[in-house]
Amino acid sequence: MPTSTRRARERASTRERIIEAALYVLETEGVAALTIRRIATDIEYSAPVVYQHFANKDALVLELVAHGHRLMLAEFRQVAEEPCIDRRMMRIASEYVRFAGEHPHLYEVMNGTAVDADERRHAAEPAIAVLKELLAAWSDAHDVVLADPDEACEIIWGTLYGIASLGYLGTIGNERARRLAEQALRAILLGWRTEEPGTG
């Protein structure tokens, strides 16, 4: 194996170890515990090695945000294989809230102020694109004309975000929040189906 190839693989492997260690700290202790020095210690490297891959903690957190959206995207794509479009939409709602409950600290940085809003939006775009595709398929299946598909997508995304946040309350919990998300989305979609043509 050429030296350059081996070095590239070693570099990629080190970067992956950094991300895995950072994700573990984030998921178990929260973003406050996440420092370059802590990650370096956990993977048994010096801090300068970590800095070769990430300029600072902010860059590392941004990578974790992107990683979280890739995980969510993978789950959305599995849902997209559901043949019934109405069931597909309900599963999207449920899976979004489930993800938030299973990865609370990761979900928090994916949606909180630790990362610039434009960068968060950029990281979320692939998952949002899947939701837009599903919404387009749903509107075609039911002959619904949405006046502004982007706005419709934001209504759904915002609704799911709000209900996922409620899931952290002990009085609600994630399981009930998943049911509420499905009910809310069902109500929104029903509303769009029963609106006068051209007003949706």
Protein backbone atom coordinates (compact mmCIF):
# COMPACT_ATOMS: atom_id res chain seq x y z
CA MET A 1 0.00 0.00 0.00
CA PRO A 2 1.44 3.42 -0.93
CA THR A 3 2.52 5.57 2.02
CA SER A 4 0.09 8.35 1.05
CA THR A 5 -2.83 5.91 1.02
CA ARG A 6 -1.89 4.49 4.39
CA ARG A 7 -1.55 7.97 5.89
CA ALA A 8 -4.93 9.00 4.49
CA ARG A 9 -6.54 5.92 6.03
CA GLU A 10 -4.84 6.55 9.37
CA ARG A 11 -6.00 10.17 9.31
CA ALA A 12 -9.57 9.13 8.50
CA SER A 13 -9.48 6.52 11.25
CA THR A 14 -8.22 9.06 13.80
CA ARG A 15 -10.94 11.52 12.79
CA GLU A 16 -13.56 8.82 13.20
CA ARG A 17 -12.25 7.96 16.66
CA ILE A 18 -12.43 11.63 17.64
CA ILE A 19 -16.03 11.89 16.46
CA GLU A 20 -17.04 8.67 18.23
CA ALA A 21 -15.40 9.80 21.49
CA ALA A 22 -16.98 13.26 21.23
CA LEU A 23 -20.39 11.73 20.53
CA TYR A 24 -20.07 9.46 23.56
CA VAL A 25 -19.17 12.38 25.86
CA LEU A 26 -21.98 14.49 24.42
CA GLU A 27 -24.59 11.74 24.74
CA THR A 28 -23.61 10.73 28.27
CA GLU A 29 -22.59 14.04 29.86
CA GLY A 30 -23.84 16.88 27.67
CA VAL A 31 -22.14 19.58 25.63
CA ALA A 32 -20.57 21.29 28.67
CA ALA A 33 -18.33 18.24 29.23
CA LEU A 34 -17.11 18.31 25.64
CA THR A 35 -13.60 19.77 25.39
CA ILE A 36 -10.69 19.13 23.05
CA ARG A 37 -8.49 18.12 25.98
CA ARG A 38 -11.13 15.66 27.25
CA ILE A 39 -11.47 14.04 23.83
CA ALA A 40 -7.70 13.83 23.42
CA THR A 41 -7.44 12.07 26.78
CA ASP A 42 -10.26 9.66 25.96
CA ILE A 43 -8.68 8.53 22.68
CA GLU A 44 -5.17 8.57 24.20
CA TYR A 45 -3.76 11.21 21.87
CA SER A 46 -2.34 14.65 22.55
CA ALA A 47 -4.58 17.70 22.10
CA PRO A 48 -2.57 18.90 19.05
CA VAL A 49 -3.58 15.70 17.22
CA VAL A 50 -7.25 16.56 17.76
CA TYR A 51 -6.59 20.13 16.62
CA GLN A 52 -5.21 18.75 13.35
CA HIS A 53 -8.76 17.57 12.61
CA PHE A 54 -10.87 20.22 14.33
CA ALA A 55 -9.75 23.82 14.80
CA ASN A 56 -11.69 24.19 18.06
CA LYS A 57 -14.61 22.90 20.08
CA ASP A 58 -17.09 24.79 17.88
CA ALA A 59 -15.84 22.94 14.79
CA LEU A 60 -16.17 19.62 16.62
CA VAL A 61 -19.72 20.43 17.78
CA LEU A 62 -20.65 21.42 14.22
CA GLU A 63 -19.43 18.02 13.02
CA LEU A 64 -21.59 16.34 15.67
CA VAL A 65 -24.59 18.35 14.45
CA ALA A 66 -23.92 17.12 10.91
CA HIS A 67 -23.48 13.57 12.24
CA GLY A 68 -26.82 13.78 14.06
CA HIS A 69 -28.60 14.86 10.92
CA ARG A 70 -26.99 12.02 8.98
CA LEU A 71 -28.35 9.58 11.58
CA MET A 72 -31.79 11.15 11.32
CA LEU A 73 -31.60 11.11 7.53
CA ALA A 74 -30.80 7.37 7.54
CA GLU A 75 -33.91 6.73 9.62
CA PHE A 76 -36.04 8.97 7.39
CA ARG A 77 -34.87 7.03 4.34
CA GLN A 78 -35.91 3.75 5.95
CA VAL A 79 -39.34 5.25 6.60
CA ALA A 80 -39.51 6.36 2.95
CA GLU A 81 -39.68 2.68 1.95
CA GLU A 82 -43.14 2.38 3.56
CA PRO A 83 -45.51 1.86 0.57
CA CYS A 84 -48.52 3.74 2.00
CA ILE A 85 -47.87 7.49 1.80
CA ASP A 86 -50.19 8.31 4.72
CA ARG A 87 -48.46 5.72 6.90
CA ARG A 88 -45.11 7.05 5.72
CA MET A 89 -45.99 10.53 6.96
CA MET A 90 -47.10 9.18 10.35
CA ARG A 91 -43.89 7.20 10.69
CA ILE A 92 -41.82 10.28 9.91
CA ALA A 93 -43.54 12.09 12.78
CA SER A 94 -43.01 9.20 15.16
CA GLU A 95 -39.38 8.59 14.17
CA TYR A 96 -38.46 12.26 14.51
CA VAL A 97 -39.75 12.37 18.09
CA ARG A 98 -38.23 8.97 18.91
CA PHE A 99 -34.83 10.20 17.69
CA ALA A 100 -35.07 13.25 19.97
CA GLY A 101 -35.87 11.03 22.92
CA GLU A 102 -33.07 8.55 22.25
CA HIS A 103 -30.43 11.23 21.62
CA PRO A 104 -31.42 14.14 23.88
CA HIS A 105 -28.02 15.86 24.11
CA LEU A 106 -27.28 15.37 20.42
CA TYR A 107 -30.75 16.61 19.52
CA GLU A 108 -30.19 19.66 21.73
CA VAL A 109 -27.04 20.73 19.89
CA MET A 110 -28.68 19.96 16.53
CA ASN A 111 -31.36 22.53 17.37
CA GLY A 112 -29.83 24.82 20.00
CA THR A 113 -27.68 27.92 19.91
CA ALA A 114 -24.33 26.16 20.32
CA VAL A 115 -24.07 26.24 16.51
CA ASP A 116 -24.87 29.17 14.21
CA ALA A 117 -28.45 29.04 12.88
CA ASP A 118 -27.38 29.10 9.21
CA GLU A 119 -24.94 26.23 9.80
CA ARG A 120 -27.64 24.24 11.61
CA ARG A 121 -30.00 24.81 8.71
CA HIS A 122 -27.34 23.72 6.22
CA ALA A 123 -26.70 20.52 8.19
CA ALA A 124 -30.45 19.81 8.32
CA GLU A 125 -31.06 20.35 4.58
CA PRO A 126 -30.75 16.68 3.46
CA ALA A 127 -33.27 15.55 6.09
CA ILE A 128 -35.57 18.45 5.21
CA ALA A 129 -35.29 17.48 1.54
CA VAL A 130 -36.58 13.98 2.36
CA LEU A 131 -39.53 15.52 4.22
CA LYS A 132 -40.24 17.78 1.22
CA GLU A 133 -40.20 14.77 -1.10
CA LEU A 134 -42.63 12.91 1.14
CA LEU A 135 -44.89 15.94 1.37
CA ALA A 136 -44.86 16.26 -2.43
CA ALA A 137 -45.74 12.57 -2.78
CA TRP A 138 -48.55 12.97 -0.24
CA SER A 139 -49.98 16.05 -2.00
CA ASP A 140 -49.86 14.24 -5.36
CA ALA A 141 -51.55 11.15 -3.91
CA HIS A 142 -54.42 13.22 -2.49
CA ASP A 143 -54.60 15.81 -5.27
CA VAL A 144 -53.81 18.60 -2.79
CA VAL A 145 -52.30 21.83 -4.10
CA LEU A 146 -50.09 23.46 -1.47
CA ALA A 147 -49.67 27.17 -2.15
CA ASP A 148 -46.19 27.17 -0.61
CA PRO A 149 -44.60 23.71 -0.23
CA ASP A 150 -41.58 25.15 1.63
CA GLU A 151 -43.85 26.79 4.16
CA ALA A 152 -45.86 23.58 4.52
CA CYS A 153 -42.64 21.70 5.24
CA GLU A 154 -41.65 24.28 7.87
CA ILE A 155 -45.06 23.93 9.54
CA ILE A 156 -44.52 20.18 9.85
CA TRP A 157 -40.88 20.49 10.95
CA GLY A 158 -41.79 23.11 13.56
CA THR A 159 -44.69 21.05 14.88
CA LEU A 160 -42.51 17.97 15.27
CA TYR A 161 -39.78 20.02 16.96
CA GLY A 162 -42.25 21.44 19.45
CA ILE A 163 -43.78 18.08 20.31
CA ALA A 164 -40.34 16.44 20.55
CA SER A 165 -39.44 19.12 23.10
CA LEU A 166 -42.58 18.30 25.10
CA GLY A 167 -41.34 14.73 25.21
CA TYR A 168 -38.68 15.77 27.73
CA LEU A 169 -41.38 16.64 30.27
CA GLY A 170 -41.95 13.88 32.79
CA THR A 171 -45.70 14.32 32.52
CA ILE A 172 -45.59 13.54 28.79
CA GLY A 173 -42.53 11.43 27.98
CA ASN A 174 -41.29 10.29 24.59
CA GLU A 175 -43.84 7.54 23.93
CA ARG A 176 -46.80 9.86 24.44
CA ALA A 177 -45.02 12.59 22.48
CA ARG A 178 -44.71 10.19 19.54
CA ARG A 179 -48.46 9.59 19.60
CA LEU A 180 -49.12 13.32 19.88
CA ALA A 181 -46.84 13.97 16.90
CA GLU A 182 -48.80 11.51 14.78
CA GLN A 183 -52.10 13.07 15.89
CA ALA A 184 -50.85 16.59 15.16
CA LEU A 185 -49.55 15.67 11.71
CA ARG A 186 -52.77 13.79 10.90
CA ALA A 187 -54.76 16.91 11.83
CA ILE A 188 -52.54 19.18 9.72
CA LEU A 189 -52.77 16.92 6.68
CA LEU A 190 -56.53 16.55 7.09
CA GLY A 191 -56.82 20.33 7.23
CA TRP A 192 -54.90 20.71 3.98
CA ARG A 193 -57.05 18.05 2.32
CA THR A 194 -60.29 19.80 3.27
CA GLU A 195 -59.26 23.36 2.39
CA GLU A 196 -60.69 25.03 -0.68
CA PRO A 197 -58.51 24.42 -3.76
CA GLY A 198 -55.74 26.99 -4.06
CA THR A 199 -55.87 28.06 -0.40
CA GLY A 200 -53.60 25.27 0.96
